[in-house]
Amino acid sequence: MSGTAVRPARGMRWLRSSHVRFIGLILLLEILFGAALLLSVTQLVRADLDVADSAIATQGRDTLLAIGRDEGDGALQRAITERASGEKDAVVLLADQDGKRIAGNLSVWPPNVGIGTHWLKIDLYRIGDNQPAPFGIAAAQLPDGRRLLVGQRTDDSDQIRRTVEDALFTALLMALPLALVGAWLVVHIIDRRIAHIAAAAAGVGAGDIDRRVPLDGSGDSFDVLGGAINTMLDRIGGLLLELRTVTNSIAHDLRSPLTRMRARIDRAMETEEPEALRGAIDGISREADELLAMLGTALEISRMEAGIGRDRFARTDLGAMLADIGELYEPLVDEQGRKLIVSIETPASLPVHRELLGQALSNLIDNALKYGAGGMTLYLAKENGQALIGLADEGPGIPVERETEALRRFGRLDSSRGIAGAGLGLSLVAAVARMHGGVLRFGRRDDLFAVEILLPVTG
């Protein structure tokens, strides 16, 4: 039972294939388009031929009416007799009020033809014919009540119509295999493009993180998709590299405080003096606080990169905010014999996360106090329509070739390893800038080393 149930499902699996559906869709569209084209062209041809046949019948009727009006009844009957005998494709009848034949090549007035028929296509038996023939006729009633019917055979126009229809139908039949071949070629091309994407994905899945989707530069949808995937893979590669760096840095930076904490614990366990025990516990507490602060900062950076906290944005006067931070740090800066100047070149008010932006600016000042030199300037300006917040000092700054390293989490430069810190200050500042849609950059400003945050100005 189960085997017989599975086999039909597998046998019909090809019906669910996107290839079959795509080819079927193209064939269906080809049939619909061809049928619509066939119908529209035949209707146009039929309409044009009908107009021509109607013109012939109407002109013949009007000519005979004019002869009867201008030359009299005898001339009309002679003209009808000449047309009936001289034109093999013509049909003409002059009948009395009851439809009985007076002159012409029809024995009686057709019962399905109205007296005032402008134009009608009908099969008629002429006198002497063995079978009916198609005619396009026009009729009229004379002033004395008699009836006049004039027409012309439509064999030629019918043949033209059939020829056009047959030609279009044949073209439609010939187009179907061409459409099938075209659909297969399109599917083949799509398969090749998708195969490159699938191969890149399989390579990355197998561990080749540097594998990328080849682009042909056409800018089509597949090229856009491939570029987006490559961008995603670049981001993933960067995150993996950052993860390895963070892992190595954590192992390096946490070893020292953990070692010191273990040593303090060992000393505390060996001593019985209250003062020594209290000192050891205080040291352990400071080491624990340092570790918690380090991990808390790393967690805060991750939360910002995930976009958590955007709901707390509020419009803030950046100039007043910088003035408050400068006033807060002024005693600490004076204590080190240095000077902090707050410069508001262009006022700006933006929706920001005040606490996180304030923490980022505090980190910049702390870094300048640790690693910089001379006076410091905390400034607000505008550049290319963006708000520019920066801190400049007279220190040597960060070498250009090491700027990327300085922005990585735990990415402390070797020369600064002897100074307390976890290497997360600039990483947090960069995360805050990205959270606000901005960027962090390094540069020189009036021969001073500057760390600047560019923020977009929104309405």
Protein backbone atom coordinates (compact mmCIF):
# COMPACT_ATOMS: atom_id res chain seq x y z
CA MET A 1 0.00 0.00 0.00
CA SER A 2 2.70 2.47 1.02
CA GLY A 3 4.87 1.68 -2.00
CA THR A 4 2.03 2.23 -4.46
CA ALA A 5 1.13 5.47 -2.70
CA VAL A 6 4.64 6.90 -2.89
CA ARG A 7 5.36 6.08 -6.53
CA PRO A 8 2.58 8.25 -8.03
CA ALA A 9 3.68 11.15 -5.85
CA ARG A 10 7.25 10.78 -7.10
CA GLY A 11 6.05 10.32 -10.65
CA MET A 12 4.10 13.59 -10.50
CA ARG A 13 6.91 15.47 -8.82
CA TRP A 14 8.01 16.97 -12.14
CA LEU A 15 4.69 18.84 -12.27
CA ARG A 16 5.80 20.83 -9.23
CA SER A 17 9.09 21.76 -10.88
CA SER A 18 9.56 25.48 -11.39
CA HIS A 19 11.08 24.68 -14.80
CA VAL A 20 7.91 22.96 -15.98
CA ARG A 21 5.76 25.74 -14.56
CA PHE A 22 7.88 28.42 -16.20
CA ILE A 23 7.86 26.69 -19.59
CA GLY A 24 4.14 26.05 -19.26
CA LEU A 25 3.55 29.70 -18.41
CA ILE A 26 5.47 30.84 -21.49
CA LEU A 27 3.53 28.42 -23.71
CA LEU A 28 0.24 29.58 -22.19
CA LEU A 29 1.16 33.21 -22.74
CA GLU A 30 2.22 32.37 -26.31
CA ILE A 31 -1.13 30.67 -26.97
CA LEU A 32 -3.11 33.52 -25.41
CA PHE A 33 -1.10 36.16 -27.27
CA GLY A 34 -1.35 34.23 -30.54
CA ALA A 35 -5.09 33.69 -30.10
CA ALA A 36 -5.62 37.37 -29.32
CA LEU A 37 -3.51 38.34 -32.34
CA LEU A 38 -5.36 35.87 -34.58
CA LEU A 39 -8.74 37.13 -33.40
CA SER A 40 -7.85 40.81 -33.71
CA VAL A 41 -6.27 40.48 -37.18
CA THR A 42 -9.12 38.37 -38.55
CA GLN A 43 -11.64 40.84 -37.15
CA LEU A 44 -9.79 43.72 -38.77
CA VAL A 45 -9.53 41.88 -42.11
CA ARG A 46 -13.20 40.84 -41.94
CA ALA A 47 -14.23 44.40 -41.14
CA ASP A 48 -12.20 45.84 -44.05
CA LEU A 49 -13.56 43.26 -46.48
CA ASP A 50 -17.10 43.81 -45.26
CA VAL A 51 -16.69 47.55 -45.80
CA ALA A 52 -15.47 46.91 -49.35
CA ASP A 53 -18.33 44.48 -50.12
CA SER A 54 -20.85 46.88 -48.57
CA ALA A 55 -19.54 49.71 -50.71
CA ILE A 56 -19.93 47.65 -53.87
CA ALA A 57 -23.52 46.63 -53.06
CA THR A 58 -24.52 50.11 -51.91
CA GLN A 59 -22.98 51.74 -54.97
CA GLY A 60 -24.83 49.35 -57.30
CA ARG A 61 -28.13 49.98 -55.53
CA ASP A 62 -27.68 53.75 -55.59
CA THR A 63 -26.75 53.65 -59.29
CA LEU A 64 -29.93 51.80 -60.21
CA LEU A 65 -32.02 54.09 -58.02
CA ALA A 66 -30.54 57.09 -59.81
CA ILE A 67 -31.35 55.56 -63.23
CA GLY A 68 -34.92 54.94 -62.20
CA ARG A 69 -35.28 58.45 -60.80
CA ASP A 70 -33.67 60.25 -63.74
CA GLU A 71 -34.54 58.07 -66.76
CA GLY A 72 -37.73 56.33 -65.78
CA ASP A 73 -38.98 52.85 -65.05
CA GLY A 74 -38.12 51.41 -68.47
CA ALA A 75 -34.49 52.45 -68.21
CA LEU A 76 -34.35 50.97 -64.69
CA GLN A 77 -35.67 47.58 -65.85
CA ARG A 78 -33.23 47.55 -68.79
CA ALA A 79 -30.32 48.34 -66.49
CA ILE A 80 -31.41 45.55 -64.14
CA THR A 81 -31.63 43.06 -67.01
CA GLU A 82 -28.19 44.07 -68.31
CA ARG A 83 -26.62 43.72 -64.86
CA ALA A 84 -28.28 40.33 -64.27
CA SER A 85 -27.10 38.93 -67.59
CA GLY A 86 -23.81 40.74 -67.99
CA GLU A 87 -22.22 40.41 -64.55
CA LYS A 88 -21.73 36.81 -63.48
CA ASP A 89 -21.08 37.70 -59.81
CA ALA A 90 -23.99 40.11 -59.48
CA VAL A 91 -27.42 39.57 -57.98
CA VAL A 92 -30.25 42.01 -58.72
CA LEU A 93 -33.99 41.95 -58.26
CA LEU A 94 -36.81 44.39 -58.84
CA ALA A 95 -39.97 43.13 -57.10
CA ASP A 96 -43.45 44.42 -56.49
CA GLN A 97 -44.90 45.25 -53.13
CA ASP A 98 -45.57 41.57 -52.45
CA GLY A 99 -42.04 40.51 -53.32
CA LYS A 100 -42.86 38.99 -56.70
CA ARG A 101 -40.19 39.30 -59.37
CA ILE A 102 -40.50 42.05 -61.98
CA ALA A 103 -36.91 41.94 -63.29
CA GLY A 104 -33.57 40.46 -62.23
CA ASN A 105 -31.95 37.08 -61.58
CA LEU A 106 -33.77 36.16 -58.35
CA SER A 107 -37.12 34.41 -58.59
CA VAL A 108 -38.58 35.97 -55.46
CA TRP A 109 -37.71 38.46 -52.73
CA PRO A 110 -35.75 36.66 -49.95
CA PRO A 111 -37.98 36.39 -46.88
CA ASN A 112 -35.16 37.22 -44.43
CA VAL A 113 -34.16 40.47 -46.17
CA GLY A 114 -35.79 43.65 -44.94
CA ILE A 115 -37.00 46.25 -47.39
CA GLY A 116 -34.64 48.94 -46.16
CA THR A 117 -31.60 46.71 -45.53
CA HIS A 118 -28.45 48.83 -45.80
CA TRP A 119 -26.14 45.86 -46.19
CA LEU A 120 -26.42 42.18 -45.42
CA LYS A 121 -24.38 39.10 -46.17
CA ILE A 122 -26.58 36.15 -47.15
CA ASP A 123 -26.55 32.92 -49.20
CA LEU A 124 -28.90 33.16 -52.23
CA TYR A 125 -30.04 30.96 -55.12
CA ARG A 126 -29.99 32.91 -58.37
CA ILE A 127 -32.06 31.79 -61.31
CA GLY A 128 -30.13 28.99 -63.00
CA ASP A 129 -27.81 28.25 -60.01
CA ASN A 130 -27.61 24.70 -58.65
CA GLN A 131 -26.43 25.75 -55.20
CA PRO A 132 -26.50 28.87 -53.09
CA ALA A 133 -23.64 31.36 -53.12
CA PRO A 134 -22.63 34.06 -50.61
CA PHE A 135 -23.66 37.57 -51.54
CA GLY A 136 -23.35 40.96 -49.97
CA ILE A 137 -26.59 42.81 -50.71
CA ALA A 138 -28.22 46.18 -50.18
CA ALA A 139 -31.95 46.86 -50.55
CA ALA A 140 -34.25 49.85 -50.93
CA GLN A 141 -37.93 50.65 -51.52
CA LEU A 142 -38.95 52.75 -54.49
CA PRO A 143 -41.50 55.60 -54.09
CA ASP A 144 -44.27 53.50 -55.64
CA GLY A 145 -43.75 50.70 -53.13
CA ARG A 146 -41.66 48.37 -55.27
CA ARG A 147 -38.50 46.82 -53.88
CA LEU A 148 -34.96 46.84 -55.24
CA LEU A 149 -32.19 44.41 -54.17
CA VAL A 150 -28.62 44.68 -55.46
CA GLY A 151 -25.58 42.61 -54.45
CA GLN A 152 -22.25 41.04 -55.35
CA ARG A 153 -20.75 37.65 -54.63
CA THR A 154 -18.25 37.63 -51.77
CA ASP A 155 -16.29 34.52 -52.75
CA ASP A 156 -13.07 36.46 -53.27
CA SER A 157 -13.26 38.31 -49.95
CA ASP A 158 -14.20 35.08 -48.18
CA GLN A 159 -11.18 33.39 -49.72
CA ILE A 160 -8.93 36.23 -48.60
CA ARG A 161 -10.37 35.97 -45.10
CA ARG A 162 -9.80 32.21 -44.97
CA THR A 163 -6.28 32.60 -46.31
CA VAL A 164 -5.41 35.15 -43.65
CA GLU A 165 -6.91 33.02 -40.89
CA ASP A 166 -5.12 29.89 -42.09
CA ALA A 167 -1.83 31.77 -42.35
CA LEU A 168 -2.15 33.18 -38.85
CA PHE A 169 -3.18 29.81 -37.40
CA THR A 170 -0.22 28.14 -39.11
CA ALA A 171 2.08 30.84 -37.76
CA LEU A 172 0.67 30.23 -34.28
CA LEU A 173 1.31 26.49 -34.57
CA MET A 174 4.86 27.17 -35.80
CA ALA A 175 5.45 29.64 -32.98
CA LEU A 176 4.62 27.11 -30.27
CA PRO A 177 7.74 24.95 -30.74
CA LEU A 178 9.81 28.13 -31.05
CA ALA A 179 8.30 29.34 -27.80
CA LEU A 180 9.12 25.98 -26.23
CA VAL A 181 12.74 26.26 -27.35
CA GLY A 182 12.88 29.88 -26.19
CA ALA A 183 11.45 28.96 -22.80
CA TRP A 184 13.99 26.17 -22.42
CA LEU A 185 16.82 28.57 -23.30
CA VAL A 186 15.56 31.12 -20.78
CA VAL A 187 15.32 28.43 -18.09
CA HIS A 188 18.83 27.27 -19.00
CA ILE A 189 20.21 30.80 -18.69
CA ILE A 190 18.43 31.31 -15.36
CA ASP A 191 19.75 27.94 -14.15
CA ARG A 192 23.31 28.96 -14.99
CA ARG A 193 22.99 32.23 -13.10
CA ILE A 194 21.37 30.52 -10.12
CA ALA A 195 24.02 27.78 -10.25
CA HIS A 196 26.72 30.42 -9.62
CA ILE A 197 24.79 31.69 -6.60
CA ALA A 198 24.18 28.16 -5.32
CA ALA A 199 27.85 27.24 -5.81
CA ALA A 200 28.93 30.32 -3.84
CA ALA A 201 26.48 29.49 -1.06
CA ALA A 202 27.64 25.86 -0.99
CA GLY A 203 31.28 26.97 -0.86
CA VAL A 204 30.59 29.31 2.05
CA GLY A 205 28.62 26.57 3.76
CA ALA A 206 31.61 24.26 3.34
CA GLY A 207 33.88 26.77 5.07
CA ASP A 208 35.22 28.82 2.16
CA ILE A 209 34.13 32.14 3.63
CA ASP A 210 36.01 34.05 0.90
CA ARG A 211 33.84 32.53 -1.86
CA ARG A 212 31.77 35.11 -3.74
CA VAL A 213 29.12 35.16 -6.46
CA PRO A 214 30.68 36.12 -9.82
CA LEU A 215 29.13 39.26 -11.33
CA ASP A 216 28.92 40.03 -15.04
CA GLY A 217 28.40 43.77 -14.64
CA SER A 218 25.08 43.75 -16.51
CA GLY A 219 23.19 45.28 -13.59
CA ASP A 220 20.25 42.92 -14.07
CA SER A 221 18.28 41.33 -11.24
CA PHE A 222 20.71 38.44 -10.89
CA ASP A 223 23.64 40.86 -10.76
CA VAL A 224 21.84 42.90 -8.09
CA LEU A 225 21.06 39.71 -6.14
CA GLY A 226 24.66 38.53 -6.46
CA GLY A 227 25.96 41.90 -5.30
CA ALA A 228 23.62 41.86 -2.30
CA ILE A 229 24.76 38.34 -1.40
CA ASN A 230 28.41 39.35 -1.76
CA THR A 231 27.81 42.36 0.47
CA MET A 232 26.16 40.07 3.01
CA LEU A 233 29.08 37.63 2.81
CA ASP A 234 31.53 40.51 3.23
CA ARG A 235 29.63 41.55 6.35
CA ILE A 236 29.57 37.98 7.64
CA GLY A 237 33.30 37.67 6.96
CA GLY A 238 33.92 40.90 8.82
CA LEU A 239 31.83 39.71 11.75
CA LEU A 240 33.68 36.39 11.85
CA LEU A 241 37.02 38.21 11.77
CA GLU A 242 35.80 40.52 14.53
CA LEU A 243 34.58 37.51 16.48
CA ARG A 244 37.99 35.88 16.26
CA THR A 245 39.63 39.15 17.23
CA VAL A 246 37.24 39.63 20.12
CA THR A 247 37.77 36.07 21.28
CA ASN A 248 41.54 36.45 21.20
CA SER A 249 41.36 39.86 22.84
CA ILE A 250 39.03 38.65 25.58
CA ALA A 251 41.40 35.78 26.28
CA HIS A 252 44.27 38.26 26.46
CA ASP A 253 42.58 41.14 28.31
CA LEU A 254 40.65 39.05 30.81
CA ARG A 255 43.66 36.92 31.76
CA SER A 256 45.36 39.72 33.68
CA PRO A 257 42.41 40.77 35.90
CA LEU A 258 41.43 37.15 36.47
CA THR A 259 45.03 36.29 37.40
CA ARG A 260 45.19 39.22 39.77
CA MET A 261 41.84 38.26 41.26
CA ARG A 262 43.03 34.67 41.77
CA ALA A 263 46.21 35.92 43.44
CA ARG A 264 44.24 38.18 45.78
CA ILE A 265 41.94 35.28 46.66
CA ASP A 266 44.93 33.07 47.43
CA ARG A 267 46.46 35.76 49.65
CA ALA A 268 43.15 36.32 51.40
CA MET A 269 42.91 32.60 52.14
CA GLU A 270 46.44 32.56 53.62
CA THR A 271 46.11 35.61 55.87
CA GLU A 272 44.35 35.91 59.21
CA GLU A 273 44.94 39.63 59.66
CA PRO A 274 41.71 41.63 59.37
CA GLU A 275 43.37 44.59 57.60
CA ALA A 276 45.09 42.38 55.03
CA LEU A 277 41.89 40.41 54.49
CA ARG A 278 39.88 43.60 54.03
CA GLY A 279 42.47 44.92 51.53
CA ALA A 280 42.37 41.66 49.58
CA ILE A 281 38.56 41.77 49.43
CA ASP A 282 38.63 45.39 48.25
CA GLY A 283 41.07 44.45 45.50
CA ILE A 284 38.90 41.52 44.43
CA SER A 285 35.90 43.86 44.36
CA ARG A 286 37.73 46.35 42.11
CA GLU A 287 38.81 43.58 39.74
CA ALA A 288 35.24 42.27 39.59
CA ASP A 289 33.92 45.78 38.91
CA GLU A 290 36.42 46.15 36.05
CA LEU A 291 35.36 42.83 34.55
CA LEU A 292 31.65 43.70 34.88
CA ALA A 293 32.22 47.12 33.29
CA MET A 294 34.13 45.51 30.43
CA LEU A 295 31.43 42.94 29.76
CA GLY A 296 28.67 45.53 30.21
CA THR A 297 30.26 47.79 27.60
CA ALA A 298 30.64 44.89 25.16
CA LEU A 299 26.96 44.02 25.71
CA GLU A 300 25.92 47.65 25.21
CA ILE A 301 27.79 47.77 21.88
CA SER A 302 26.00 44.61 20.74
CA ARG A 303 22.63 46.07 21.74
CA MET A 304 23.32 49.27 19.80
CA GLU A 305 24.40 47.37 16.69
CA ALA A 306 21.11 45.46 16.92
CA GLY A 307 19.22 48.79 16.92
CA ILE A 308 17.91 48.43 20.46
CA GLY A 309 17.18 51.83 21.99
CA ARG A 310 16.02 53.73 18.90
CA ASP A 311 12.65 54.22 20.58
CA ARG A 312 14.37 56.47 23.13
CA PHE A 313 15.51 59.05 20.58
CA ALA A 314 14.49 62.60 21.51
CA ARG A 315 15.25 65.95 19.88
CA THR A 316 18.24 67.40 21.71
CA ASP A 317 20.14 70.68 21.55
CA LEU A 318 23.60 69.32 20.77
CA GLY A 319 25.31 72.60 21.65
CA ALA A 320 23.81 72.61 25.17
CA MET A 321 24.67 68.93 25.53
CA LEU A 322 28.35 69.54 24.67
CA ALA A 323 28.43 72.49 27.09
CA ASP A 324 27.11 70.27 29.89
CA ILE A 325 29.71 67.57 29.18
CA GLY A 326 32.50 70.15 29.08
CA GLU A 327 31.39 71.57 32.43
CA LEU A 328 31.25 68.04 33.89
CA TYR A 329 34.82 67.19 32.83
CA GLU A 330 36.38 70.60 33.53
CA PRO A 331 37.57 69.74 37.08
CA LEU A 332 39.16 66.45 35.94
CA VAL A 333 40.90 68.15 33.00
CA ASP A 334 42.18 70.98 35.24
CA GLU A 335 43.45 68.38 37.69
CA GLN A 336 45.76 67.03 34.97
CA GLY A 337 46.99 70.51 34.12
CA ARG A 338 45.24 70.55 30.76
CA LYS A 339 42.46 72.64 29.24
CA LEU A 340 39.13 71.72 27.58
CA ILE A 341 37.44 74.21 25.23
CA VAL A 342 33.88 73.76 24.00
CA SER A 343 33.32 75.34 20.57
CA ILE A 344 29.84 75.59 19.04
CA GLU A 345 30.46 76.72 15.45
CA THR A 346 26.96 75.88 14.18
CA PRO A 347 24.08 75.09 16.55
CA ALA A 348 22.13 71.92 15.79
CA SER A 349 19.11 70.13 17.25
CA LEU A 350 18.70 66.45 16.33
CA PRO A 351 16.73 63.41 17.54
CA VAL A 352 19.36 61.37 19.41
CA HIS A 353 19.72 58.90 22.25
CA ARG A 354 21.03 61.45 24.74
CA GLU A 355 22.48 58.95 27.25
CA LEU A 356 24.36 56.88 24.67
CA LEU A 357 25.65 59.89 22.74
CA GLY A 358 26.77 61.44 26.03
CA GLN A 359 28.56 58.21 26.94
CA ALA A 360 30.27 58.21 23.53
CA LEU A 361 31.52 61.78 24.00
CA SER A 362 32.66 60.93 27.53
CA ASN A 363 34.67 58.04 26.09
CA LEU A 364 36.34 60.40 23.64
CA ILE A 365 37.35 62.74 26.45
CA ASP A 366 38.57 59.83 28.61
CA ASN A 367 40.70 58.54 25.73
CA ALA A 368 42.15 62.01 25.16
CA LEU A 369 43.01 62.25 28.86
CA LYS A 370 44.70 58.83 28.77
CA TYR A 371 46.49 58.89 25.44
CA GLY A 372 46.43 62.50 24.23
CA ALA A 373 48.36 65.59 25.17
CA GLY A 374 47.93 69.36 25.51
CA GLY A 375 44.67 71.23 25.21
CA MET A 376 41.46 69.66 23.99
CA THR A 377 38.60 71.11 21.94
CA LEU A 378 35.11 69.64 21.97
CA TYR A 379 33.32 71.17 18.98
CA LEU A 380 30.03 71.14 17.05
CA ALA A 381 29.92 72.18 13.39
CA LYS A 382 28.23 71.33 10.10
CA GLU A 383 29.74 69.60 7.10
CA ASN A 384 27.90 68.90 3.84
CA GLY A 385 24.54 69.24 5.56
CA GLN A 386 25.50 66.90 8.42
CA ALA A 387 26.11 67.63 12.07
CA LEU A 388 29.77 67.19 13.03
CA ILE A 389 30.73 66.48 16.65
CA GLY A 390 34.40 66.04 17.36
CA LEU A 391 37.18 66.13 19.93
CA ALA A 392 40.64 67.35 18.96
CA ASP A 393 43.83 67.42 21.03
CA GLU A 394 47.57 67.91 20.56
CA GLY A 395 48.48 64.25 21.00
CA PRO A 396 50.12 62.05 18.32
CA GLY A 397 46.81 60.36 17.53
CA ILE A 398 46.36 57.01 15.84
CA PRO A 399 48.41 56.07 12.76
CA VAL A 400 46.29 55.80 9.64
CA GLU A 401 47.29 52.19 9.07
CA ARG A 402 46.04 51.24 12.54
CA GLU A 403 42.71 53.09 12.58
CA THR A 404 40.72 49.96 11.68
CA GLU A 405 42.46 48.02 14.44
CA ALA A 406 41.66 50.76 16.97
CA LEU A 407 37.93 50.53 16.15
CA ARG A 408 37.68 46.79 16.74
CA ARG A 409 36.31 45.57 20.03
CA PHE A 410 39.16 44.99 22.48
CA GLY A 411 41.33 46.41 19.71
CA ARG A 412 43.82 48.18 21.97
CA LEU A 413 47.05 49.21 20.33
CA ASP A 414 50.18 47.56 21.73
CA SER A 415 51.59 50.87 22.93
CA SER A 416 48.57 51.35 25.16
CA ARG A 417 48.56 47.93 26.81
CA GLY A 418 50.17 49.34 29.93
CA ILE A 419 47.23 51.70 30.51
CA ALA A 420 44.11 50.43 32.22
CA GLY A 421 41.22 49.82 29.84
CA ALA A 422 39.52 47.17 27.74
CA GLY A 423 39.86 48.64 24.26
CA LEU A 424 36.11 49.20 23.96
CA GLY A 425 35.90 53.00 24.10
CA LEU A 426 36.21 53.74 20.39
CA SER A 427 34.16 50.64 19.51
CA LEU A 428 31.30 52.03 21.59
CA VAL A 429 31.63 55.48 19.96
CA ALA A 430 31.52 53.90 16.49
CA ALA A 431 28.47 51.82 17.48
CA VAL A 432 26.69 54.95 18.74
CA ALA A 433 27.45 56.74 15.46
CA ARG A 434 26.09 53.83 13.41
CA MET A 435 22.99 53.63 15.62
CA HIS A 436 22.24 57.26 14.70
CA GLY A 437 22.87 56.63 10.99
CA GLY A 438 26.25 58.33 11.12
CA VAL A 439 29.93 57.40 10.95
CA LEU A 440 33.04 57.76 13.08
CA ARG A 441 36.21 59.04 11.46
CA PHE A 442 39.72 60.14 12.33
CA GLY A 443 41.45 63.18 10.92
CA ARG A 444 43.51 66.29 11.44
CA ARG A 445 41.97 69.65 12.32
CA ASP A 446 44.25 72.65 12.54
CA ASP A 447 47.25 70.34 13.15
CA LEU A 448 45.34 68.62 15.96
CA PHE A 449 44.38 64.95 15.99
CA ALA A 450 40.60 64.70 15.89
CA VAL A 451 38.03 61.98 16.38
CA GLU A 452 34.74 63.06 14.77
CA ILE A 453 31.16 61.80 14.58
CA LEU A 454 29.13 62.73 11.50
CA LEU A 455 25.36 62.60 12.08
CA PRO A 456 22.68 63.08 9.39
CA VAL A 457 20.40 66.05 9.90
CA THR A 458 16.77 64.87 9.87
CA GLY A 459 13.55 66.83 9.93
